[in-house]
Amino acid sequence: MSEFAAVAQDVWVTARRGLVRGRREPRLLVLPLLQPVLFMLLFGVLLGGVISVPGVAGYPDFLIPGLIVQAVALTAGMAAVDVAGDVRHGMVDRFRALPTPGGAVLFGRTVSDLLRIAMTAAVAAAAGVIAGWRVHSGPAAAAAGFLLVLTFGYAVAWLSVLVGLSARTPRAARAVMPACLVALTFVSNVLAPPDTMPPWLRPLAEANPVSAVVTALRVLWGDEPAGSGATAASAYPPALVWIFAVLVASIPLALRRYRRTAAP
């Protein structure tokens, strides 16, 4: 077996461990899938009739791309708690004792996260379709949008792995990653355009990386409000730069932290 094939097998074994764990602990799958549905019921159905965004046919057209990004981010953020649990219970020490590259372990971990992220995005999109949302720009743009969402989720998953290795305990990881992601997704353009926010909050929402990804997604799918001024040339680069920056920063730092982390 070649070295590449051996590493690929190690990645798959680690990814399968994450998937099996999700089957044994249903909360790891059920909670991320319920979250976008609950938000859709609250904002898209119960409040959708009293919320209007100028330039879009209906609030679901504005809301669903943001909810998909939010759901993907929160699902990816759960990796921090799981990784911190592995550190706490000595699993990271056991992995390091095996003749397996550290990169294979972490890449396998994020591959299983990516599969959960894809499931969350699919459920959120299905809930949006039921609520009346549609992609207005064709199949190719729809596929490109979902690829952007998955790439964003994968970047957040790597950041979550880094936080989990650094936090060392599930309680500490839960206090950092999910809380920060909730704040980040709410102080963004997920639920409302930044120009409707108070003057002191608007710059934060506009500079938010979540806002950059959501804007690019709305432009791709034809859901961006008319008159917002967002175009493909102005929306795609910031989103891709943020995603690339998170990956470039998180992957080497997580690999380095993995080699130095020991159970408390």
Protein backbone atom coordinates (compact mmCIF):
# COMPACT_ATOMS: atom_id res chain seq x y z
CA MET A 1 0.00 0.00 0.00
CA SER A 2 1.37 3.41 -0.97
CA GLU A 3 1.89 6.12 1.64
CA PHE A 4 -0.92 8.20 0.16
CA ALA A 5 -3.33 5.24 0.26
CA ALA A 6 -2.37 4.54 3.87
CA VAL A 7 -3.03 8.15 4.90
CA ALA A 8 -6.33 8.15 3.00
CA GLN A 9 -7.37 4.99 4.82
CA ASP A 10 -6.48 6.60 8.17
CA VAL A 11 -8.56 9.65 7.24
CA TRP A 12 -11.52 7.45 6.36
CA VAL A 13 -11.24 5.39 9.58
CA THR A 14 -11.23 8.56 11.66
CA ALA A 15 -14.13 10.02 9.68
CA ARG A 16 -16.11 6.82 10.12
CA ARG A 17 -15.51 7.03 13.89
CA GLY A 18 -17.13 10.46 13.87
CA LEU A 19 -20.11 9.17 11.89
CA VAL A 20 -20.59 6.13 14.12
CA ARG A 21 -20.41 8.36 17.16
CA GLY A 22 -23.17 10.49 15.68
CA ARG A 23 -25.31 7.39 15.27
CA ARG A 24 -24.73 6.38 18.89
CA GLU A 25 -25.34 9.91 20.18
CA PRO A 26 -28.40 11.14 18.26
CA ARG A 27 -28.10 14.64 19.70
CA LEU A 28 -25.08 15.20 17.45
CA LEU A 29 -27.35 14.76 14.42
CA VAL A 30 -30.79 15.75 15.65
CA LEU A 31 -29.98 19.12 17.21
CA PRO A 32 -28.22 20.58 14.13
CA LEU A 33 -31.09 19.38 11.93
CA LEU A 34 -33.80 20.81 14.19
CA GLN A 35 -32.22 24.24 14.56
CA PRO A 36 -32.85 25.53 11.00
CA VAL A 37 -36.39 24.13 11.04
CA LEU A 38 -37.19 25.91 14.32
CA PHE A 39 -35.73 29.18 13.05
CA MET A 40 -37.72 28.82 9.86
CA LEU A 41 -40.94 28.31 11.82
CA LEU A 42 -40.20 31.31 14.04
CA PHE A 43 -38.96 33.87 11.52
CA GLY A 44 -40.20 32.55 8.20
CA VAL A 45 -43.69 31.39 9.18
CA LEU A 46 -44.77 33.06 12.42
CA LEU A 47 -43.10 36.43 11.82
CA GLY A 48 -42.72 36.34 8.06
CA GLY A 49 -46.04 38.05 7.52
CA VAL A 50 -45.07 41.12 9.52
CA ILE A 51 -41.45 41.38 8.35
CA SER A 52 -40.70 42.87 4.96
CA VAL A 53 -37.42 43.66 3.24
CA PRO A 54 -37.58 46.17 0.39
CA GLY A 55 -36.41 44.75 -2.93
CA VAL A 56 -37.36 41.10 -2.40
CA ALA A 57 -40.61 39.34 -3.25
CA GLY A 58 -41.02 37.88 0.24
CA TYR A 59 -39.13 37.60 3.49
CA PRO A 60 -38.29 33.88 2.94
CA ASP A 61 -36.30 34.84 -0.16
CA PHE A 62 -34.14 37.07 2.01
CA LEU A 63 -34.12 34.82 5.07
CA ILE A 64 -33.32 31.32 3.81
CA PRO A 65 -29.77 31.89 2.49
CA GLY A 66 -28.87 33.47 5.82
CA LEU A 67 -30.47 30.66 7.82
CA ILE A 68 -28.56 28.07 5.81
CA VAL A 69 -25.26 29.79 6.57
CA GLN A 70 -26.21 30.19 10.24
CA ALA A 71 -27.23 26.54 10.58
CA VAL A 72 -24.02 25.36 8.91
CA ALA A 73 -21.88 27.55 11.19
CA LEU A 74 -23.58 26.30 14.37
CA THR A 75 -23.30 22.68 13.24
CA ALA A 76 -19.59 23.10 12.49
CA GLY A 77 -19.13 24.79 15.87
CA MET A 78 -20.21 21.64 17.70
CA ALA A 79 -16.87 20.09 16.71
CA ALA A 80 -15.15 22.19 19.38
CA VAL A 81 -17.08 20.49 22.18
CA ASP A 82 -16.50 17.00 20.76
CA VAL A 83 -12.77 17.55 20.26
CA ALA A 84 -12.42 18.98 23.77
CA GLY A 85 -14.17 15.83 25.03
CA ASP A 86 -11.60 13.69 23.22
CA VAL A 87 -8.82 15.67 24.89
CA ARG A 88 -10.47 15.37 28.29
CA HIS A 89 -10.88 11.60 28.05
CA GLY A 90 -7.40 10.93 26.68
CA MET A 91 -8.46 9.97 23.15
CA VAL A 92 -6.00 12.44 21.60
CA ASP A 93 -3.17 10.79 23.57
CA ARG A 94 -4.29 7.39 22.26
CA PHE A 95 -4.42 8.64 18.68
CA ARG A 96 -0.91 10.05 18.99
CA ALA A 97 0.34 6.69 20.28
CA LEU A 98 -0.81 5.02 17.06
CA PRO A 99 1.34 4.96 13.89
CA THR A 100 -1.06 7.44 12.31
CA PRO A 101 -0.15 10.94 11.12
CA GLY A 102 -1.79 13.68 13.16
CA GLY A 103 -3.00 15.30 10.00
CA ALA A 104 -4.95 12.15 9.08
CA VAL A 105 -6.74 12.19 12.44
CA LEU A 106 -7.79 15.83 12.19
CA PHE A 107 -8.67 15.68 8.49
CA GLY A 108 -10.78 12.60 9.18
CA ARG A 109 -12.50 14.47 11.97
CA THR A 110 -13.35 17.41 9.70
CA VAL A 111 -14.53 15.09 6.91
CA SER A 112 -17.17 13.65 9.26
CA ASP A 113 -18.08 17.21 10.25
CA LEU A 114 -18.44 18.10 6.57
CA LEU A 115 -20.95 15.30 6.07
CA ARG A 116 -23.02 16.56 9.00
CA ILE A 117 -22.76 20.09 7.61
CA ALA A 118 -24.07 18.89 4.25
CA MET A 119 -27.04 17.22 5.97
CA THR A 120 -27.81 20.43 7.87
CA ALA A 121 -27.64 22.54 4.71
CA ALA A 122 -29.96 20.11 2.90
CA VAL A 123 -32.52 20.15 5.72
CA ALA A 124 -32.40 23.95 5.97
CA ALA A 125 -32.88 24.29 2.20
CA ALA A 126 -35.77 21.80 2.24
CA ALA A 127 -37.45 23.73 5.04
CA GLY A 128 -37.02 26.90 2.98
CA VAL A 129 -38.58 25.32 -0.10
CA ILE A 130 -41.59 24.27 1.99
CA ALA A 131 -41.88 27.88 3.21
CA GLY A 132 -41.90 29.18 -0.37
CA TRP A 133 -38.23 29.99 -1.00
CA ARG A 134 -36.73 29.28 -4.41
CA VAL A 135 -33.37 29.71 -6.14
CA HIS A 136 -33.96 32.24 -8.92
CA SER A 137 -30.74 31.84 -10.90
CA GLY A 138 -30.65 28.28 -12.24
CA PRO A 139 -29.15 24.88 -11.32
CA ALA A 140 -25.49 25.88 -11.84
CA ALA A 141 -25.80 28.84 -9.48
CA ALA A 142 -27.67 26.67 -6.97
CA ALA A 143 -24.82 24.12 -6.99
CA ALA A 144 -22.19 26.87 -6.71
CA GLY A 145 -24.04 28.33 -3.73
CA PHE A 146 -24.13 25.03 -1.88
CA LEU A 147 -20.43 24.51 -2.64
CA LEU A 148 -19.73 27.93 -1.10
CA VAL A 149 -21.78 27.00 1.98
CA LEU A 150 -19.96 23.69 2.44
CA THR A 151 -16.57 25.35 2.05
CA PHE A 152 -17.53 27.95 4.65
CA GLY A 153 -18.72 25.20 7.00
CA TYR A 154 -15.51 23.26 6.50
CA ALA A 155 -13.46 26.33 7.42
CA VAL A 156 -15.54 26.83 10.59
CA ALA A 157 -15.07 23.14 11.42
CA TRP A 158 -11.28 23.55 11.35
CA LEU A 159 -11.56 26.63 13.55
CA SER A 160 -13.72 24.60 15.93
CA VAL A 161 -11.12 21.83 16.06
CA LEU A 162 -8.49 24.40 17.00
CA VAL A 163 -10.73 25.82 19.73
CA GLY A 164 -11.50 22.34 21.05
CA LEU A 165 -7.82 21.41 21.27
CA SER A 166 -7.04 24.69 23.00
CA ALA A 167 -9.99 24.67 25.41
CA ARG A 168 -9.17 21.15 26.61
CA THR A 169 -12.53 20.66 28.39
CA PRO A 170 -16.03 20.46 26.86
CA ARG A 171 -17.35 23.11 29.24
CA ALA A 172 -14.70 25.62 28.19
CA ALA A 173 -15.20 24.82 24.51
CA ARG A 174 -18.97 25.22 24.87
CA ALA A 175 -18.48 28.60 26.51
CA VAL A 176 -16.31 29.83 23.64
CA MET A 177 -17.25 28.44 20.23
CA PRO A 178 -21.06 28.10 20.18
CA ALA A 179 -21.52 31.35 22.09
CA CYS A 180 -19.26 33.25 19.71
CA LEU A 181 -20.96 31.76 16.65
CA VAL A 182 -24.42 32.67 17.94
CA ALA A 183 -23.31 36.26 18.49
CA LEU A 184 -21.54 36.36 15.12
CA THR A 185 -24.54 35.07 13.19
CA PHE A 186 -27.04 37.35 14.90
CA VAL A 187 -24.90 40.49 14.47
CA SER A 188 -24.91 40.02 10.71
CA ASN A 189 -27.23 40.32 7.74
CA VAL A 190 -28.79 36.90 8.33
CA LEU A 191 -32.11 38.21 9.68
CA ALA A 192 -32.13 41.85 8.54
CA PRO A 193 -30.19 44.20 6.24
CA PRO A 194 -27.43 46.10 8.07
CA ASP A 195 -28.87 49.47 6.98
CA THR A 196 -31.89 48.84 9.23
CA MET A 197 -29.69 48.42 12.32
CA PRO A 198 -28.63 51.12 14.82
CA PRO A 199 -25.66 53.21 13.62
CA TRP A 200 -23.30 51.73 16.22
CA LEU A 201 -24.17 48.16 15.20
CA ARG A 202 -24.19 48.54 11.43
CA PRO A 203 -20.36 48.62 10.93
CA LEU A 204 -20.02 45.40 12.93
CA ALA A 205 -22.63 43.66 10.81
CA GLU A 206 -21.10 44.88 7.56
CA ALA A 207 -17.59 43.74 8.57
CA ASN A 208 -18.84 40.36 9.77
CA PRO A 209 -17.48 37.39 7.75
CA VAL A 210 -20.88 35.73 8.04
CA SER A 211 -22.42 38.76 6.30
CA ALA A 212 -19.87 38.42 3.48
CA VAL A 213 -20.77 34.76 2.89
CA VAL A 214 -24.52 35.41 3.13
CA THR A 215 -24.32 38.31 0.66
CA ALA A 216 -22.38 36.17 -1.83
CA LEU A 217 -24.94 33.41 -1.44
CA ARG A 218 -27.88 35.77 -2.00
CA VAL A 219 -26.23 37.20 -5.10
CA LEU A 220 -25.59 33.68 -6.43
CA TRP A 221 -29.18 32.60 -5.86
CA GLY A 222 -30.84 35.83 -6.96
CA ASP A 223 -32.15 36.63 -3.47
CA GLU A 224 -30.20 39.84 -2.80
CA PRO A 225 -32.57 42.83 -2.36
CA ALA A 226 -32.81 45.05 -5.42
CA GLY A 227 -30.99 48.32 -4.89
CA SER A 228 -28.51 46.93 -2.36
CA GLY A 229 -25.65 47.50 -4.80
CA ALA A 230 -24.18 44.02 -4.27
CA THR A 231 -22.83 42.38 -7.42
CA ALA A 232 -20.85 39.26 -8.18
CA ALA A 233 -17.65 41.31 -8.42
CA SER A 234 -18.22 42.94 -5.03
CA ALA A 235 -19.75 39.99 -3.15
CA TYR A 236 -17.67 36.92 -4.03
CA PRO A 237 -14.09 38.08 -3.26
CA PRO A 238 -14.72 39.06 0.41
CA ALA A 239 -16.48 35.77 1.11
CA LEU A 240 -13.73 33.69 -0.51
CA VAL A 241 -10.98 35.70 1.21
CA TRP A 242 -12.58 35.13 4.63
CA ILE A 243 -12.95 31.39 4.02
CA PHE A 244 -9.39 31.07 2.71
CA ALA A 245 -8.01 33.08 5.64
CA VAL A 246 -9.74 30.89 8.22
CA LEU A 247 -8.48 27.70 6.56
CA VAL A 248 -4.92 28.97 6.18
CA ALA A 249 -4.81 30.09 9.81
CA SER A 250 -6.70 27.21 11.44
CA ILE A 251 -5.23 24.11 9.77
CA PRO A 252 -1.54 24.58 10.65
CA LEU A 253 -2.38 25.90 14.13
CA ALA A 254 -4.67 22.94 14.80
CA LEU A 255 -2.03 20.45 13.62
CA ARG A 256 0.56 22.11 15.82
CA ARG A 257 -1.78 22.15 18.81
CA TYR A 258 -2.65 18.49 18.26
CA ARG A 259 0.99 17.48 18.55
CA ARG A 260 1.35 19.36 21.85
CA THR A 261 -1.99 18.65 23.52
CA ALA A 262 -2.15 16.24 26.43
CA ALA A 263 -5.09 15.13 28.54
CA PRO A 264 -5.59 17.35 31.65
